[in-house]
Amino acid sequence: MSVKKSSVVPSDRLALYEKLVATNPKVERKGDTNPYTSLNGHMFTHMTPEGDLAIRLSDDDRDAFVKKFKAKPYVSYGVIKKDWVVVPEALLKKTTELAKYFDLSYKYVKTLKPKPAKK
Protein backbone atom coordinates (compact mmCIF):
# COMPACT_ATOMS: atom_id res chain seq x y z
CA MET A 1 0.00 0.00 0.00
CA SER A 2 1.50 3.31 -1.02
CA VAL A 3 1.27 6.43 1.07
CA LYS A 4 0.03 9.52 -0.74
CA LYS A 5 2.47 12.41 -0.44
CA SER A 6 1.02 15.60 0.90
CA SER A 7 1.75 19.02 -0.48
CA VAL A 8 4.51 21.13 1.04
CA VAL A 9 2.60 24.28 0.12
CA PRO A 10 1.60 26.30 3.22
CA SER A 11 -1.88 25.07 4.19
CA ASP A 12 -3.47 28.54 4.23
CA ARG A 13 -2.35 29.22 0.66
CA LEU A 14 -3.34 25.77 -0.51
CA ALA A 15 -6.82 26.36 0.92
CA LEU A 16 -7.08 29.64 -1.03
CA TYR A 17 -5.96 27.84 -4.20
CA GLU A 18 -8.51 25.07 -3.74
CA LYS A 19 -11.22 27.67 -3.14
CA LEU A 20 -10.22 29.34 -6.43
CA VAL A 21 -10.23 26.06 -8.39
CA ALA A 22 -13.69 25.27 -6.98
CA THR A 23 -15.07 28.39 -8.73
CA ASN A 24 -14.96 26.52 -12.05
CA PRO A 25 -16.67 23.09 -11.91
CA LYS A 26 -14.98 22.06 -15.19
CA VAL A 27 -11.54 22.25 -13.59
CA GLU A 28 -9.93 19.70 -11.30
CA ARG A 29 -6.93 20.42 -9.10
CA LYS A 30 -4.13 17.96 -9.82
CA GLY A 31 -0.81 17.20 -8.19
CA ASP A 32 -0.44 15.85 -4.67
CA THR A 33 2.81 17.60 -3.81
CA ASN A 34 2.82 20.27 -6.53
CA PRO A 35 -0.73 21.54 -7.04
CA TYR A 36 -1.70 22.62 -10.55
CA THR A 37 -4.51 22.74 -13.08
CA SER A 38 -4.26 21.68 -16.70
CA LEU A 39 -6.31 21.16 -19.83
CA ASN A 40 -5.34 19.17 -22.92
CA GLY A 41 -1.82 18.69 -21.56
CA HIS A 42 -1.24 22.39 -20.84
CA MET A 43 -0.85 23.64 -17.28
CA PHE A 44 -2.61 26.92 -16.66
CA THR A 45 -2.11 27.44 -12.94
CA HIS A 46 0.58 26.19 -10.62
CA MET A 47 1.23 26.70 -6.92
CA THR A 48 4.89 26.67 -5.93
CA PRO A 49 6.13 24.95 -2.77
CA GLU A 50 6.52 28.43 -1.26
CA GLY A 51 2.83 29.11 -1.85
CA ASP A 52 3.12 31.48 -4.81
CA LEU A 53 0.43 31.08 -7.44
CA ALA A 54 1.44 31.34 -11.09
CA ILE A 55 -1.22 31.77 -13.74
CA ARG A 56 -1.01 31.47 -17.53
CA LEU A 57 -2.74 34.17 -19.57
CA SER A 58 -2.98 35.33 -23.18
CA ASP A 59 -0.75 38.25 -24.18
CA ASP A 60 -3.53 40.85 -23.84
CA ASP A 61 -4.89 39.46 -20.58
CA ARG A 62 -1.40 39.12 -19.13
CA ASP A 63 -0.49 42.71 -20.05
CA ALA A 64 -3.69 43.99 -18.41
CA PHE A 65 -3.08 41.82 -15.33
CA VAL A 66 0.50 43.05 -14.93
CA LYS A 67 -0.59 46.66 -15.35
CA LYS A 68 -3.50 46.39 -12.90
CA PHE A 69 -1.79 44.33 -10.19
CA LYS A 70 1.91 45.11 -10.80
CA ALA A 71 2.47 41.37 -11.14
CA LYS A 72 5.87 39.89 -11.79
CA PRO A 73 6.72 37.30 -14.44
CA TYR A 74 6.87 33.68 -13.27
CA VAL A 75 10.43 32.33 -13.13
CA SER A 76 10.98 28.58 -12.88
CA TYR A 77 14.48 27.12 -12.60
CA GLY A 78 15.97 30.47 -13.62
CA VAL A 79 13.84 30.76 -16.78
CA ILE A 80 11.04 33.28 -17.33
CA LYS A 81 8.00 31.22 -18.29
CA LYS A 82 6.25 32.56 -21.38
CA ASP A 83 2.60 33.49 -20.76
CA TRP A 84 2.93 33.20 -16.97
CA VAL A 85 2.72 35.73 -14.12
CA VAL A 86 2.81 35.44 -10.34
CA VAL A 87 -0.46 36.35 -8.62
CA PRO A 88 0.17 39.00 -5.95
CA GLU A 89 -0.50 37.76 -2.41
CA ALA A 90 -3.26 40.31 -1.80
CA LEU A 91 -5.15 39.12 -4.90
CA LEU A 92 -4.80 35.45 -3.92
CA LYS A 93 -6.98 36.26 -0.91
CA LYS A 94 -9.71 37.78 -3.14
CA THR A 95 -11.18 34.66 -4.68
CA THR A 96 -14.08 36.40 -6.42
CA GLU A 97 -11.80 38.90 -8.17
CA LEU A 98 -9.15 36.30 -9.00
CA ALA A 99 -11.76 33.88 -10.39
CA LYS A 100 -12.19 36.18 -13.41
CA TYR A 101 -8.53 35.65 -14.33
CA PHE A 102 -8.72 31.94 -13.53
CA ASP A 103 -11.52 31.66 -16.10
CA LEU A 104 -9.55 33.74 -18.62
CA SER A 105 -6.61 31.38 -18.12
CA TYR A 106 -8.84 28.35 -18.66
CA LYS A 107 -10.27 29.89 -21.84
CA TYR A 108 -6.77 30.68 -23.08
CA VAL A 109 -5.46 27.11 -22.77
CA LYS A 110 -8.56 25.87 -24.56
CA THR A 111 -7.24 27.73 -27.63
CA LEU A 112 -3.88 25.91 -27.54
CA LYS A 113 -3.30 22.80 -29.61
CA PRO A 114 -3.73 19.72 -27.37
CA LYS A 115 -0.52 17.94 -26.46
CA PRO A 116 -0.44 14.25 -27.39
CA ALA A 117 -1.07 11.91 -24.46
CA LYS A 118 1.98 10.14 -23.08
CA LYS A 119 1.87 6.36 -22.95
C-alpha atoms as a PDB file:
ATOM      1  CA  MET A   1       0.000   0.000   0.000  1.00  0.00           C
ATOM      2  CA  SER A   2       1.501   3.314  -1.024  1.00  0.00           C
ATOM      3  CA  VAL A   3       1.272   6.427   1.070  1.00  0.00           C
ATOM      4  CA  LYS A   4       0.034   9.519  -0.743  1.00  0.00           C
ATOM      5  CA  LYS A   5       2.471  12.410  -0.443  1.00  0.00           C
ATOM      6  CA  SER A   6       1.024  15.605   0.897  1.00  0.00           C
ATOM      7  CA  SER A   7       1.753  19.022  -0.476  1.00  0.00           C
ATOM      8  CA  VAL A   8       4.510  21.125   1.042  1.00  0.00           C
ATOM      9  CA  VAL A   9       2.604  24.281   0.124  1.00  0.00           C
ATOM     10  CA  PRO A  10       1.598  26.301   3.215  1.00  0.00           C
ATOM     11  CA  SER A  11      -1.879  25.067   4.189  1.00  0.00           C
ATOM     12  CA  ASP A  12      -3.468  28.538   4.230  1.00  0.00           C
ATOM     13  CA  ARG A  13      -2.350  29.225   0.661  1.00  0.00           C
ATOM     14  CA  LEU A  14      -3.337  25.768  -0.511  1.00  0.00           C
ATOM     15  CA  ALA A  15      -6.822  26.362   0.916  1.00  0.00           C
ATOM     16  CA  LEU A  16      -7.080  29.638  -1.029  1.00  0.00           C
ATOM     17  CA  TYR A  17      -5.963  27.840  -4.201  1.00  0.00           C
ATOM     18  CA  GLU A  18      -8.508  25.067  -3.739  1.00  0.00           C
ATOM     19  CA  LYS A  19     -11.220  27.670  -3.144  1.00  0.00           C
ATOM     20  CA  LEU A  20     -10.223  29.337  -6.435  1.00  0.00           C
ATOM     21  CA  VAL A  21     -10.232  26.060  -8.387  1.00  0.00           C
ATOM     22  CA  ALA A  22     -13.687  25.273  -6.983  1.00  0.00           C
ATOM     23  CA  THR A  23     -15.066  28.392  -8.727  1.00  0.00           C
ATOM     24  CA  ASN A  24     -14.965  26.516 -12.047  1.00  0.00           C
ATOM     25  CA  PRO A  25     -16.673  23.091 -11.908  1.00  0.00           C
ATOM     26  CA  LYS A  26     -14.984  22.065 -15.193  1.00  0.00           C
ATOM     27  CA  VAL A  27     -11.539  22.252 -13.591  1.00  0.00           C
ATOM     28  CA  GLU A  28      -9.926  19.697 -11.304  1.00  0.00           C
ATOM     29  CA  ARG A  29      -6.928  20.417  -9.098  1.00  0.00           C
ATOM     30  CA  LYS A  30      -4.127  17.962  -9.823  1.00  0.00           C
ATOM     31  CA  GLY A  31      -0.809  17.196  -8.188  1.00  0.00           C
ATOM     32  CA  ASP A  32      -0.445  15.847  -4.673  1.00  0.00           C
ATOM     33  CA  THR A  33       2.810  17.604  -3.808  1.00  0.00           C
ATOM     34  CA  ASN A  34       2.824  20.274  -6.532  1.00  0.00           C
ATOM     35  CA  PRO A  35      -0.735  21.541  -7.036  1.00  0.00           C
ATOM     36  CA  TYR A  36      -1.703  22.618 -10.546  1.00  0.00           C
ATOM     37  CA  THR A  37      -4.507  22.737 -13.080  1.00  0.00           C
ATOM     38  CA  SER A  38      -4.262  21.677 -16.699  1.00  0.00           C
ATOM     39  CA  LEU A  39      -6.311  21.157 -19.827  1.00  0.00           C
ATOM     40  CA  ASN A  40      -5.344  19.167 -22.921  1.00  0.00           C
ATOM     41  CA  GLY A  41      -1.820  18.690 -21.557  1.00  0.00           C
ATOM     42  CA  HIS A  42      -1.236  22.390 -20.838  1.00  0.00           C
ATOM     43  CA  MET A  43      -0.848  23.637 -17.282  1.00  0.00           C
ATOM     44  CA  PHE A  44      -2.605  26.920 -16.661  1.00  0.00           C
ATOM     45  CA  THR A  45      -2.108  27.443 -12.937  1.00  0.00           C
ATOM     46  CA  HIS A  46       0.583  26.189 -10.617  1.00  0.00           C
ATOM     47  CA  MET A  47       1.233  26.702  -6.920  1.00  0.00           C
ATOM     48  CA  THR A  48       4.892  26.671  -5.932  1.00  0.00           C
ATOM     49  CA  PRO A  49       6.131  24.948  -2.769  1.00  0.00           C
ATOM     50  CA  GLU A  50       6.522  28.430  -1.256  1.00  0.00           C
ATOM     51  CA  GLY A  51       2.829  29.114  -1.853  1.00  0.00           C
ATOM     52  CA  ASP A  52       3.122  31.485  -4.813  1.00  0.00           C
ATOM     53  CA  LEU A  53       0.426  31.079  -7.444  1.00  0.00           C
ATOM     54  CA  ALA A  54       1.445  31.337 -11.091  1.00  0.00           C
ATOM     55  CA  ILE A  55      -1.219  31.767 -13.744  1.00  0.00           C
ATOM     56  CA  ARG A  56      -1.007  31.475 -17.535  1.00  0.00           C
ATOM     57  CA  LEU A  57      -2.745  34.173 -19.572  1.00  0.00           C
ATOM     58  CA  SER A  58      -2.976  35.331 -23.177  1.00  0.00           C
ATOM     59  CA  ASP A  59      -0.748  38.255 -24.176  1.00  0.00           C
ATOM     60  CA  ASP A  60      -3.526  40.853 -23.841  1.00  0.00           C
ATOM     61  CA  ASP A  61      -4.890  39.457 -20.579  1.00  0.00           C
ATOM     62  CA  ARG A  62      -1.397  39.118 -19.130  1.00  0.00           C
ATOM     63  CA  ASP A  63      -0.494  42.708 -20.049  1.00  0.00           C
ATOM     64  CA  ALA A  64      -3.688  43.993 -18.415  1.00  0.00           C
ATOM     65  CA  PHE A  65      -3.085  41.816 -15.333  1.00  0.00           C
ATOM     66  CA  VAL A  66       0.500  43.055 -14.932  1.00  0.00           C
ATOM     67  CA  LYS A  67      -0.591  46.662 -15.349  1.00  0.00           C
ATOM     68  CA  LYS A  68      -3.497  46.386 -12.899  1.00  0.00           C
ATOM     69  CA  PHE A  69      -1.789  44.329 -10.187  1.00  0.00           C
ATOM     70  CA  LYS A  70       1.909  45.109 -10.804  1.00  0.00           C
ATOM     71  CA  ALA A  71       2.469  41.370 -11.137  1.00  0.00           C
ATOM     72  CA  LYS A  72       5.873  39.886 -11.788  1.00  0.00           C
ATOM     73  CA  PRO A  73       6.716  37.297 -14.442  1.00  0.00           C
ATOM     74  CA  TYR A  74       6.868  33.678 -13.270  1.00  0.00           C
ATOM     75  CA  VAL A  75      10.425  32.333 -13.134  1.00  0.00           C
ATOM     76  CA  SER A  76      10.984  28.585 -12.882  1.00  0.00           C
ATOM     77  CA  TYR A  77      14.480  27.119 -12.600  1.00  0.00           C
ATOM     78  CA  GLY A  78      15.970  30.465 -13.618  1.00  0.00           C
ATOM     79  CA  VAL A  79      13.837  30.761 -16.777  1.00  0.00           C
ATOM     80  CA  ILE A  80      11.041  33.279 -17.326  1.00  0.00           C
ATOM     81  CA  LYS A  81       7.998  31.219 -18.294  1.00  0.00           C
ATOM     82  CA  LYS A  82       6.252  32.557 -21.384  1.00  0.00           C
ATOM     83  CA  ASP A  83       2.596  33.491 -20.764  1.00  0.00           C
ATOM     84  CA  TRP A  84       2.929  33.196 -16.967  1.00  0.00           C
ATOM     85  CA  VAL A  85       2.722  35.735 -14.123  1.00  0.00           C
ATOM     86  CA  VAL A  86       2.809  35.443 -10.338  1.00  0.00           C
ATOM     87  CA  VAL A  87      -0.459  36.352  -8.620  1.00  0.00           C
ATOM     88  CA  PRO A  88       0.168  38.999  -5.945  1.00  0.00           C
ATOM     89  CA  GLU A  89      -0.498  37.764  -2.407  1.00  0.00           C
ATOM     90  CA  ALA A  90      -3.264  40.311  -1.797  1.00  0.00           C
ATOM     91  CA  LEU A  91      -5.145  39.118  -4.900  1.00  0.00           C
ATOM     92  CA  LEU A  92      -4.800  35.454  -3.918  1.00  0.00           C
ATOM     93  CA  LYS A  93      -6.978  36.261  -0.906  1.00  0.00           C
ATOM     94  CA  LYS A  94      -9.712  37.785  -3.144  1.00  0.00           C
ATOM     95  CA  THR A  95     -11.184  34.656  -4.682  1.00  0.00           C
ATOM     96  CA  THR A  96     -14.076  36.399  -6.424  1.00  0.00           C
ATOM     97  CA  GLU A  97     -11.797  38.903  -8.168  1.00  0.00           C
ATOM     98  CA  LEU A  98      -9.146  36.298  -9.000  1.00  0.00           C
ATOM     99  CA  ALA A  99     -11.763  33.883 -10.393  1.00  0.00           C
ATOM    100  CA  LYS A 100     -12.193  36.176 -13.413  1.00  0.00           C
ATOM    101  CA  TYR A 101      -8.529  35.648 -14.330  1.00  0.00           C
ATOM    102  CA  PHE A 102      -8.717  31.943 -13.534  1.00  0.00           C
ATOM    103  CA  ASP A 103     -11.516  31.660 -16.105  1.00  0.00           C
ATOM    104  CA  LEU A 104      -9.549  33.740 -18.624  1.00  0.00           C
ATOM    105  CA  SER A 105      -6.612  31.378 -18.121  1.00  0.00           C
ATOM    106  CA  TYR A 106      -8.840  28.347 -18.662  1.00  0.00           C
ATOM    107  CA  LYS A 107     -10.268  29.887 -21.840  1.00  0.00           C
ATOM    108  CA  TYR A 108      -6.769  30.683 -23.081  1.00  0.00           C
ATOM    109  CA  VAL A 109      -5.458  27.113 -22.766  1.00  0.00           C
ATOM    110  CA  LYS A 110      -8.564  25.865 -24.565  1.00  0.00           C
ATOM    111  CA  THR A 111      -7.235  27.726 -27.630  1.00  0.00           C
ATOM    112  CA  LEU A 112      -3.883  25.907 -27.544  1.00  0.00           C
ATOM    113  CA  LYS A 113      -3.304  22.800 -29.614  1.00  0.00           C
ATOM    114  CA  PRO A 114      -3.728  19.720 -27.374  1.00  0.00           C
ATOM    115  CA  LYS A 115      -0.524  17.937 -26.458  1.00  0.00           C
ATOM    116  CA  PRO A 116      -0.435  14.252 -27.394  1.00  0.00           C
ATOM    117  CA  ALA A 117      -1.068  11.907 -24.465  1.00  0.00           C
ATOM    118  CA  LYS A 118       1.979  10.137 -23.079  1.00  0.00           C
ATOM    119  CA  LYS A 119       1.870   6.356 -22.945  1.00  0.00           C
END
